[in-house]
C-alpha atoms as a PDB file:
ATOM      1  CA  MET A   1     -92.709 -82.051  43.684  1.00  0.00           C
ATOM      2  CA  SER A   2     -93.864 -78.387  42.626  1.00  0.00           C
ATOM      3  CA  ASP A   3     -96.071 -77.584  39.485  1.00  0.00           C
ATOM      4  CA  ALA A   4     -95.806 -73.978  37.872  1.00  0.00           C
ATOM      5  CA  PRO A   5     -99.096 -72.480  37.676  1.00  0.00           C
ATOM      6  CA  ALA A   6    -101.605 -73.765  34.727  1.00  0.00           C
ATOM      7  CA  GLN A   7    -102.171 -70.570  32.498  1.00  0.00           C
ATOM      8  CA  ASP A   8    -105.401 -69.414  32.694  1.00  0.00           C
ATOM      9  CA  ASP A   9    -105.812 -68.830  28.572  1.00  0.00           C
ATOM     10  CA  ASP A  10    -109.302 -69.203  28.378  1.00  0.00           C
ATOM     11  CA  ALA A  11    -110.256 -67.362  31.877  1.00  0.00           C
ATOM     12  CA  GLY A  12    -108.195 -64.388  31.451  1.00  0.00           C
ATOM     13  CA  GLY A  13    -105.183 -65.225  32.134  1.00  0.00           C
ATOM     14  CA  ARG A  14    -102.121 -64.198  33.850  1.00  0.00           C
ATOM     15  CA  ASP A  15    -100.422 -60.786  34.043  1.00  0.00           C
ATOM     16  CA  ALA A  16     -96.491 -60.255  33.649  1.00  0.00           C
ATOM     17  CA  VAL A  17     -96.029 -61.029  37.031  1.00  0.00           C
ATOM     18  CA  GLY A  18     -97.984 -63.925  37.333  1.00  0.00           C
ATOM     19  CA  ARG A  19    -100.794 -62.831  39.034  1.00  0.00           C
ATOM     20  CA  ALA A  20    -104.158 -63.992  37.901  1.00  0.00           C
ATOM     21  CA  VAL A  21    -106.457 -62.070  35.997  1.00  0.00           C
ATOM     22  CA  PRO A  22    -110.475 -62.179  36.624  1.00  0.00           C
ATOM     23  CA  GLY A  23    -111.890 -64.599  33.844  1.00  0.00           C
ATOM     24  CA  ASP A  24    -115.286 -63.461  32.475  1.00  0.00           C
ATOM     25  CA  ALA A  25    -117.978 -62.960  34.870  1.00  0.00           C
ATOM     26  CA  ALA A  26    -120.522 -65.549  33.125  1.00  0.00           C
ATOM     27  CA  ARG A  27    -117.659 -68.104  33.011  1.00  0.00           C
ATOM     28  CA  ARG A  28    -116.916 -67.915  36.845  1.00  0.00           C
ATOM     29  CA  SER A  29    -120.843 -68.138  37.500  1.00  0.00           C
ATOM     30  CA  TRP A  30    -120.980 -71.473  35.290  1.00  0.00           C
ATOM     31  CA  TRP A  31    -117.959 -72.916  37.211  1.00  0.00           C
ATOM     32  CA  ARG A  32    -119.822 -71.860  40.555  1.00  0.00           C
ATOM     33  CA  VAL A  33    -123.123 -73.592  39.646  1.00  0.00           C
ATOM     34  CA  ALA A  34    -120.930 -76.607  38.272  1.00  0.00           C
ATOM     35  CA  ASP A  35    -118.904 -76.682  41.591  1.00  0.00           C
ATOM     36  CA  TYR A  36    -122.815 -77.313  43.761  1.00  0.00           C
ATOM     37  CA  LEU A  37    -123.747 -79.525  41.285  1.00  0.00           C
ATOM     38  CA  TYR A  38    -120.883 -81.657  41.463  1.00  0.00           C
ATOM     39  CA  ALA A  39    -121.018 -81.536  45.574  1.00  0.00           C
ATOM     40  CA  GLY A  40    -124.710 -81.602  45.041  1.00  0.00           C
ATOM     41  CA  TRP A  41    -124.586 -85.545  43.279  1.00  0.00           C
ATOM     42  CA  TYR A  42    -121.365 -86.645  45.945  1.00  0.00           C
ATOM     43  CA  GLN A  43    -123.839 -85.990  48.762  1.00  0.00           C
ATOM     44  CA  VAL A  44    -126.276 -87.770  46.922  1.00  0.00           C
ATOM     45  CA  LEU A  45    -124.345 -90.471  46.569  1.00  0.00           C
ATOM     46  CA  GLY A  46    -123.189 -90.826  50.030  1.00  0.00           C
ATOM     47  CA  VAL A  47    -126.636 -91.754  51.026  1.00  0.00           C
ATOM     48  CA  LEU A  48    -127.562 -94.007  47.857  1.00  0.00           C
ATOM     49  CA  ARG A  49    -124.526 -95.626  47.172  1.00  0.00           C
ATOM     50  CA  PRO A  50    -122.439 -95.549  49.916  1.00  0.00           C
ATOM     51  CA  GLY A  51    -119.968 -97.957  48.999  1.00  0.00           C
ATOM     52  CA  GLU A  52    -118.034-100.550  50.994  1.00  0.00           C
ATOM     53  CA  PRO A  53    -114.635 -98.805  52.540  1.00  0.00           C
ATOM     54  CA  ASP A  54    -113.238-101.763  53.889  1.00  0.00           C
ATOM     55  CA  ARG A  55    -112.705-103.221  49.894  1.00  0.00           C
ATOM     56  CA  TYR A  56    -109.676-100.785  50.017  1.00  0.00           C
ATOM     57  CA  LEU A  57    -108.161-102.187  53.062  1.00  0.00           C
ATOM     58  CA  THR A  58    -106.060-105.618  51.163  1.00  0.00           C
ATOM     59  CA  PRO A  59    -104.928-104.709  47.661  1.00  0.00           C
ATOM     60  CA  SER A  60    -103.486-107.340  45.797  1.00  0.00           C
ATOM     61  CA  SER A  61    -100.088-106.663  46.061  1.00  0.00           C
ATOM     62  CA  PRO A  62     -99.729-103.997  48.497  1.00  0.00           C
ATOM     63  CA  VAL A  63     -97.115-101.592  48.739  1.00  0.00           C
ATOM     64  CA  ALA A  64     -96.447 -99.022  51.398  1.00  0.00           C
ATOM     65  CA  PRO A  65     -97.622 -96.207  52.604  1.00  0.00           C
ATOM     66  CA  ASP A  66    -101.187 -96.976  53.986  1.00  0.00           C
ATOM     67  CA  VAL A  67    -103.498 -94.197  53.135  1.00  0.00           C
ATOM     68  CA  VAL A  68    -106.075 -92.247  55.509  1.00  0.00           C
ATOM     69  CA  LEU A  69    -108.845 -90.674  53.674  1.00  0.00           C
ATOM     70  CA  VAL A  70    -109.973 -87.152  55.439  1.00  0.00           C
ATOM     71  CA  PRO A  71    -112.866 -85.701  53.460  1.00  0.00           C
ATOM     72  CA  GLY A  72    -114.057 -81.816  53.684  1.00  0.00           C
ATOM     73  CA  VAL A  73    -116.753 -80.638  56.230  1.00  0.00           C
ATOM     74  CA  MET A  74    -120.332 -81.895  55.464  1.00  0.00           C
ATOM     75  CA  GLU A  75    -118.986 -84.433  53.397  1.00  0.00           C
ATOM     76  CA  PRO A  76    -119.214 -88.316  52.900  1.00  0.00           C
ATOM     77  CA  TRP A  77    -116.473 -90.374  52.477  1.00  0.00           C
ATOM     78  CA  PRO A  78    -117.801 -91.264  48.507  1.00  0.00           C
ATOM     79  CA  PHE A  79    -116.231 -87.614  47.898  1.00  0.00           C
ATOM     80  CA  LEU A  80    -112.607 -89.167  47.880  1.00  0.00           C
ATOM     81  CA  GLN A  81    -113.721 -92.636  46.663  1.00  0.00           C
ATOM     82  CA  PRO A  82    -112.074 -91.893  43.036  1.00  0.00           C
ATOM     83  CA  LEU A  83    -108.626 -91.092  44.959  1.00  0.00           C
ATOM     84  CA  ALA A  84    -109.204 -94.009  47.029  1.00  0.00           C
ATOM     85  CA  GLN A  85    -109.767 -96.131  43.609  1.00  0.00           C
ATOM     86  CA  ARG A  86    -106.728 -94.799  42.281  1.00  0.00           C
ATOM     87  CA  LEU A  87    -104.895 -95.794  45.127  1.00  0.00           C
ATOM     88  CA  PHE A  88    -105.966 -99.003  45.864  1.00  0.00           C
ATOM     89  CA  GLU A  89    -105.103-100.044  42.229  1.00  0.00           C
ATOM     90  CA  ALA A  90    -101.276 -98.991  42.921  1.00  0.00           C
ATOM     91  CA  GLY A  91    -101.414-101.398  45.539  1.00  0.00           C
ATOM     92  CA  HIS A  92    -101.908 -98.924  48.292  1.00  0.00           C
ATOM     93  CA  PRO A  93    -104.172-100.176  51.336  1.00  0.00           C
ATOM     94  CA  VAL A  94    -106.761 -96.923  52.015  1.00  0.00           C
ATOM     95  CA  HIS A  95    -108.340 -96.437  55.280  1.00  0.00           C
ATOM     96  CA  VAL A  96    -111.653 -94.387  55.526  1.00  0.00           C
ATOM     97  CA  VAL A  97    -112.410 -92.923  58.713  1.00  0.00           C
ATOM     98  CA  PRO A  98    -116.288 -93.932  59.992  1.00  0.00           C
ATOM     99  CA  GLY A  99    -116.432 -92.037  63.254  1.00  0.00           C
ATOM    100  CA  LEU A 100    -115.836 -88.766  61.109  1.00  0.00           C
ATOM    101  CA  GLY A 101    -119.611 -89.119  59.726  1.00  0.00           C
ATOM    102  CA  TYR A 102    -120.135 -86.014  57.702  1.00  0.00           C
ATOM    103  CA  HIS A 103    -117.464 -84.242  59.707  1.00  0.00           C
ATOM    104  CA  VAL A 104    -119.102 -81.619  61.613  1.00  0.00           C
ATOM    105  CA  GLN A 105    -116.274 -81.966  64.156  1.00  0.00           C
ATOM    106  CA  ASP A 106    -114.228 -78.924  65.344  1.00  0.00           C
ATOM    107  CA  LEU A 107    -110.428 -79.617  64.221  1.00  0.00           C
ATOM    108  CA  ALA A 108    -109.668 -80.709  67.565  1.00  0.00           C
ATOM    109  CA  GLU A 109    -112.134 -83.628  67.899  1.00  0.00           C
ATOM    110  CA  ALA A 110    -111.741 -84.594  64.392  1.00  0.00           C
ATOM    111  CA  ALA A 111    -108.159 -85.049  65.178  1.00  0.00           C
ATOM    112  CA  ARG A 112    -108.784 -87.163  68.181  1.00  0.00           C
ATOM    113  CA  VAL A 113    -110.905 -88.987  65.416  1.00  0.00           C
ATOM    114  CA  VAL A 114    -108.339 -90.244  63.169  1.00  0.00           C
ATOM    115  CA  ALA A 115    -105.582 -90.336  65.501  1.00  0.00           C
ATOM    116  CA  GLU A 116    -107.366 -93.053  67.538  1.00  0.00           C
ATOM    117  CA  LEU A 117    -108.169 -95.059  64.341  1.00  0.00           C
ATOM    118  CA  ILE A 118    -104.407 -94.631  63.400  1.00  0.00           C
ATOM    119  CA  LEU A 119    -103.792 -95.735  66.770  1.00  0.00           C
ATOM    120  CA  GLU A 120    -106.799 -98.390  67.118  1.00  0.00           C
ATOM    121  CA  ARG A 121    -105.311 -99.978  63.153  1.00  0.00           C
ATOM    122  CA  ASP A 122    -101.338 -99.786  64.667  1.00  0.00           C
ATOM    123  CA  LEU A 123    -100.949 -97.867  61.341  1.00  0.00           C
ATOM    124  CA  ARG A 124     -97.229 -96.423  60.980  1.00  0.00           C
ATOM    125  CA  ASP A 125     -95.721 -94.365  58.350  1.00  0.00           C
ATOM    126  CA  VAL A 126     -98.791 -93.587  56.644  1.00  0.00           C
ATOM    127  CA  VAL A 127     -99.849 -90.392  54.522  1.00  0.00           C
ATOM    128  CA  VAL A 128    -103.098 -88.583  55.018  1.00  0.00           C
ATOM    129  CA  VAL A 129    -105.322 -87.877  51.647  1.00  0.00           C
ATOM    130  CA  ALA A 130    -107.689 -84.648  52.100  1.00  0.00           C
ATOM    131  CA  HIS A 131    -110.183 -82.633  50.858  1.00  0.00           C
ATOM    132  CA  SER A 132    -110.810 -78.893  52.197  1.00  0.00           C
ATOM    133  CA  LYS A 133    -111.078 -79.281  55.845  1.00  0.00           C
ATOM    134  CA  GLY A 134    -109.572 -82.864  56.058  1.00  0.00           C
ATOM    135  CA  GLY A 135    -106.661 -80.873  55.124  1.00  0.00           C
ATOM    136  CA  LEU A 136    -106.126 -78.801  57.901  1.00  0.00           C
ATOM    137  CA  VAL A 137    -106.775 -82.029  60.279  1.00  0.00           C
ATOM    138  CA  GLY A 138    -103.720 -83.560  58.686  1.00  0.00           C
ATOM    139  CA  LYS A 139    -101.897 -80.550  59.139  1.00  0.00           C
ATOM    140  CA  ARG A 140    -102.785 -80.742  63.095  1.00  0.00           C
ATOM    141  CA  LEU A 141    -101.885 -84.865  62.946  1.00  0.00           C
ATOM    142  CA  LEU A 142     -98.781 -83.855  61.491  1.00  0.00           C
ATOM    143  CA  SER A 143     -97.902 -82.007  65.298  1.00  0.00           C
ATOM    144  CA  GLU A 144    -100.302 -84.467  67.314  1.00  0.00           C
ATOM    145  CA  PRO A 145     -97.935 -85.884  70.153  1.00  0.00           C
ATOM    146  CA  ALA A 146     -99.838 -89.194  69.880  1.00  0.00           C
ATOM    147  CA  VAL A 147     -99.452 -89.976  66.031  1.00  0.00           C
ATOM    148  CA  ALA A 148     -97.092 -87.878  64.627  1.00  0.00           C
ATOM    149  CA  ASP A 149     -94.339 -90.133  64.432  1.00  0.00           C
ATOM    150  CA  ARG A 150     -96.944 -92.266  62.326  1.00  0.00           C
ATOM    151  CA  VAL A 151     -97.844 -89.777  59.798  1.00  0.00           C
ATOM    152  CA  CYS A 152     -95.434 -89.153  57.161  1.00  0.00           C
ATOM    153  CA  GLY A 153     -97.642 -86.549  55.160  1.00  0.00           C
ATOM    154  CA  VAL A 154    -100.167 -84.874  53.755  1.00  0.00           C
ATOM    155  CA  VAL A 155    -101.986 -84.254  50.295  1.00  0.00           C
ATOM    156  CA  ALA A 156    -104.688 -81.782  50.633  1.00  0.00           C
ATOM    157  CA  VAL A 157    -106.890 -80.695  48.281  1.00  0.00           C
ATOM    158  CA  ALA A 158    -108.346 -77.441  48.179  1.00  0.00           C
ATOM    159  CA  THR A 159    -107.400 -77.047  51.912  1.00  0.00           C
ATOM    160  CA  PRO A 160    -108.067 -73.432  52.946  1.00  0.00           C
ATOM    161  CA  PHE A 161    -105.154 -72.972  55.504  1.00  0.00           C
ATOM    162  CA  ALA A 162    -105.403 -69.256  55.896  1.00  0.00           C
ATOM    163  CA  GLY A 163    -108.971 -69.402  56.450  1.00  0.00           C
ATOM    164  CA  SER A 164    -111.444 -67.953  54.507  1.00  0.00           C
ATOM    165  CA  ARG A 165    -113.153 -64.259  54.297  1.00  0.00           C
ATOM    166  CA  LEU A 166    -116.872 -66.120  53.302  1.00  0.00           C
ATOM    167  CA  ALA A 167    -117.195 -68.362  56.278  1.00  0.00           C
ATOM    168  CA  ARG A 168    -118.698 -65.169  57.953  1.00  0.00           C
ATOM    169  CA  LEU A 169    -121.399 -65.127  55.903  1.00  0.00           C
ATOM    170  CA  LEU A 170    -122.800 -68.185  57.141  1.00  0.00           C
ATOM    171  CA  PRO A 171    -124.190 -68.750  60.716  1.00  0.00           C
ATOM    172  CA  LEU A 172    -123.328 -72.730  60.503  1.00  0.00           C
ATOM    173  CA  ARG A 173    -120.821 -73.694  63.374  1.00  0.00           C
ATOM    174  CA  ALA A 174    -119.228 -76.288  61.164  1.00  0.00           C
ATOM    175  CA  ILE A 175    -117.950 -73.461  58.923  1.00  0.00           C
ATOM    176  CA  ARG A 176    -117.683 -70.651  61.382  1.00  0.00           C
ATOM    177  CA  ILE A 177    -114.042 -72.206  61.827  1.00  0.00           C
ATOM    178  CA  PHE A 178    -112.775 -71.321  58.703  1.00  0.00           C
ATOM    179  CA  ARG A 179    -112.666 -67.812  59.420  1.00  0.00           C
ATOM    180  CA  PRO A 180    -108.831 -65.957  58.788  1.00  0.00           C
ATOM    181  CA  ASP A 181    -109.150 -65.304  62.179  1.00  0.00           C
ATOM    182  CA  HIS A 182    -110.570 -68.326  64.023  1.00  0.00           C
ATOM    183  CA  PRO A 183    -108.165 -69.744  66.420  1.00  0.00           C
ATOM    184  CA  ASP A 184    -107.624 -72.914  64.896  1.00  0.00           C
ATOM    185  CA  ILE A 185    -106.591 -71.265  61.636  1.00  0.00           C
ATOM    186  CA  VAL A 186    -104.493 -69.023  62.993  1.00  0.00           C
ATOM    187  CA  GLY A 187    -102.981 -71.632  65.572  1.00  0.00           C
ATOM    188  CA  LEU A 188    -102.239 -73.952  62.396  1.00  0.00           C
ATOM    189  CA  ALA A 189    -100.541 -71.043  60.610  1.00  0.00           C
ATOM    190  CA  ARG A 190     -98.161 -70.945  63.264  1.00  0.00           C
ATOM    191  CA  VAL A 191     -97.332 -74.286  63.270  1.00  0.00           C
ATOM    192  CA  VAL A 192     -94.381 -74.138  60.003  1.00  0.00           C
ATOM    193  CA  ASP A 193     -92.307 -76.678  61.056  1.00  0.00           C
ATOM    194  CA  VAL A 194     -94.378 -79.349  59.583  1.00  0.00           C
ATOM    195  CA  ASP A 195     -95.405 -77.733  55.900  1.00  0.00           C
ATOM    196  CA  GLU A 196     -92.464 -79.048  54.343  1.00  0.00           C
ATOM    197  CA  ARG A 197     -94.481 -82.568  55.079  1.00  0.00           C
ATOM    198  CA  ILE A 198     -97.535 -81.196  52.951  1.00  0.00           C
ATOM    199  CA  VAL A 199     -98.883 -81.499  49.354  1.00  0.00           C
ATOM    200  CA  SER A 200    -101.473 -78.468  48.931  1.00  0.00           C
ATOM    201  CA  VAL A 201    -102.682 -79.105  45.394  1.00  0.00           C
ATOM    202  CA  PHE A 202    -105.545 -76.345  44.491  1.00  0.00           C
ATOM    203  CA  SER A 203    -107.576 -75.515  41.430  1.00  0.00           C
ATOM    204  CA  ARG A 204    -106.838 -72.233  39.543  1.00  0.00           C
ATOM    205  CA  TRP A 205    -110.316 -70.608  40.822  1.00  0.00           C
ATOM    206  CA  ASP A 206    -111.946 -71.692  44.269  1.00  0.00           C
ATOM    207  CA  PRO A 207    -115.175 -69.964  44.865  1.00  0.00           C
ATOM    208  CA  HIS A 208    -115.271 -70.909  48.321  1.00  0.00           C
ATOM    209  CA  VAL A 209    -111.604 -70.131  49.384  1.00  0.00           C
ATOM    210  CA  PRO A 210    -110.835 -66.562  48.139  1.00  0.00           C
ATOM    211  CA  GLU A 211    -107.543 -66.357  49.806  1.00  0.00           C
ATOM    212  CA  GLY A 212    -106.396 -69.870  47.837  1.00  0.00           C
ATOM    213  CA  SER A 213    -104.822 -72.866  48.845  1.00  0.00           C
ATOM    214  CA  MET A 214    -100.957 -71.928  48.545  1.00  0.00           C
ATOM    215  CA  LEU A 215     -98.857 -72.783  51.322  1.00  0.00           C
ATOM    216  CA  ALA A 216     -95.501 -71.538  52.029  1.00  0.00           C
ATOM    217  CA  GLY A 217     -93.116 -73.901  52.656  1.00  0.00           C
ATOM    218  CA  ALA A 218     -95.065 -76.942  51.111  1.00  0.00           C
ATOM    219  CA  GLN A 219     -94.898 -78.377  48.163  1.00  0.00           C
ATOM    220  CA  ASN A 220     -97.688 -76.703  46.354  1.00  0.00           C
ATOM    221  CA  VAL A 221     -99.781 -77.904  42.495  1.00  0.00           C
ATOM    222  CA  GLU A 222    -102.089 -76.047  40.885  1.00  0.00           C
ATOM    223  CA  LEU A 223    -104.451 -77.796  38.393  1.00  0.00           C
ATOM    224  CA  ARG A 224    -106.430 -76.215  35.487  1.00  0.00           C
ATOM    225  CA  THR A 225    -110.593 -77.652  36.725  1.00  0.00           C
ATOM    226  CA  PRO A 226    -112.096 -74.630  38.556  1.00  0.00           C
ATOM    227  CA  GLY A 227    -113.693 -75.062  41.445  1.00  0.00           C
ATOM    228  CA  HIS A 228    -113.692 -76.136  45.331  1.00  0.00           C
ATOM    229  CA  PHE A 229    -114.882 -79.637  44.425  1.00  0.00           C
ATOM    230  CA  ARG A 230    -114.542 -80.112  40.767  1.00  0.00           C
ATOM    231  CA  VAL A 231    -111.416 -79.391  41.254  1.00  0.00           C
ATOM    232  CA  LEU A 232    -111.897 -83.239  42.773  1.00  0.00           C
ATOM    233  CA  ALA A 233    -112.889 -84.511  39.187  1.00  0.00           C
ATOM    234  CA  ASP A 234    -109.372 -83.000  37.623  1.00  0.00           C
ATOM    235  CA  PRO A 235    -108.190 -85.563  35.226  1.00  0.00           C
ATOM    236  CA  ARG A 236    -104.278 -85.635  36.469  1.00  0.00           C
ATOM    237  CA  LEU A 237    -105.650 -85.140  40.122  1.00  0.00           C
ATOM    238  CA  PRO A 238    -105.350 -89.460  40.492  1.00  0.00           C
ATOM    239  CA  ASP A 239    -101.671 -89.251  39.518  1.00  0.00           C
ATOM    240  CA  VAL A 240    -100.755 -86.157  40.974  1.00  0.00           C
ATOM    241  CA  VAL A 241    -101.921 -87.571  44.580  1.00  0.00           C
ATOM    242  CA  LEU A 242    -100.591 -90.566  43.943  1.00  0.00           C
ATOM    243  CA  ASP A 243     -96.800 -89.634  43.226  1.00  0.00           C
ATOM    244  CA  ALA A 244     -97.459 -87.240  46.123  1.00  0.00           C
ATOM    245  CA  VAL A 245     -98.004 -90.002  48.502  1.00  0.00           C
ATOM    246  CA  ARG A 246     -95.235 -91.542  47.080  1.00  0.00           C
ATOM    247  CA  ARG A 247     -92.590 -88.848  47.334  1.00  0.00           C
ATOM    248  CA  LEU A 248     -93.835 -88.284  51.264  1.00  0.00           C
ATOM    249  CA  ALA A 249     -93.738 -91.782  52.135  1.00  0.00           C
ATOM    250  CA  ARG A 250     -90.190 -92.516  54.376  1.00  0.00           C
END
């Protein structure tokens, strides 16, 4: 499954060979502000209305595969609640990973926490649905000996597979792992045999990942809504994710 890139008609468009042409600076500034407002709102919801993740475990008419949600760094799981709702309504049991908390662990520890849940619940042929850093964790799980044969694939939204040069600007340990030269980013980039089991979904403009989320060998889908966080609100995203989950299922 792959989509042709959306045309940026209102943001400068694309040139004759398909390269993105920068849009109006004021518009991009507004997109950046809107992105932070969206993220802030879901941070507040994560505290005030954390929800009941277990309610997504038992759809009335269950269908395979089960889905495991992995949010991004410093994100409570409600960031992915709209996707959980859509998948649940379609019959897929959806598992939240309580042990991740706000997901500030390094990649190895985060992968261990998710793998532990998969093993404890004896999940098989699951698909990981993830945002941002969660997609890196998902890719790592595809080659993690303990659970590699239990994970069909990964749907990664706005994942910095090549890292982000902006990570050098922030002193936080949880953010530094996104540096393009970080051993985790470099190491994952060398693992290419699992990329065909990944669907990478991304916005037409991501202020946090200038390198983009295109992953060679994967199925790549570009959505029109700009932003690293606001892409989660793109009206197409729930159906794109549902379709990808079903295509990845064994």
